[in-house]
Amino acid sequence: MKSLLTYTELEDYLYNHFNKIVELKYVSEKCISSKVDVKLLLLLKSVSIDITVDEIKDAEIHLSYSGGVAIDTIIKGIGVFNKSKMKNDAFTIDTSTQKVVIHLWRIEQMRKIIETCEFKDVKFSPEYAQIEVVLK
């Protein structure tokens, strides 16, 4: 089963749930670029990050990212927040290799889905993101 999500749908979701304007752009079949404005002290700065889907394995999505020093600092902050505030460790971050693993089975809202579906692939096109799952 394949689900297609346009970048506009994803951007709207991010705005509606996190109150952030995020711009998504196609880079390649496995990579997407994201740009967001971040407030740093009194300055508003646009930061971009390229996110690559490396693999999906055993209900885990393995990603790599790149985007420079600002992104590394933000990702490190997210990692610290994750360790101190989140009880389920839904993701792990290795800033030395710029890798992130999302543990879908540790996310409460994903557990029922994972019981019946197996995530196979995520691909990008110029218009949309495609998520492929198979029923178990």
Foldseek 3Di string as FASTA:
>chain_A
DKDKDFQVNVQVVCCVPPVWRKDWFDDFFFKIKIWTWDDDPPDTDIFMKIKGFPFADDQKTKIAMDTDDVVLVVVVVVQVCCVPPPDQCQKHADSVRRMMMGRQCSDPVNVVVVVFKGWGDWTDDRTTIMTDIDTD
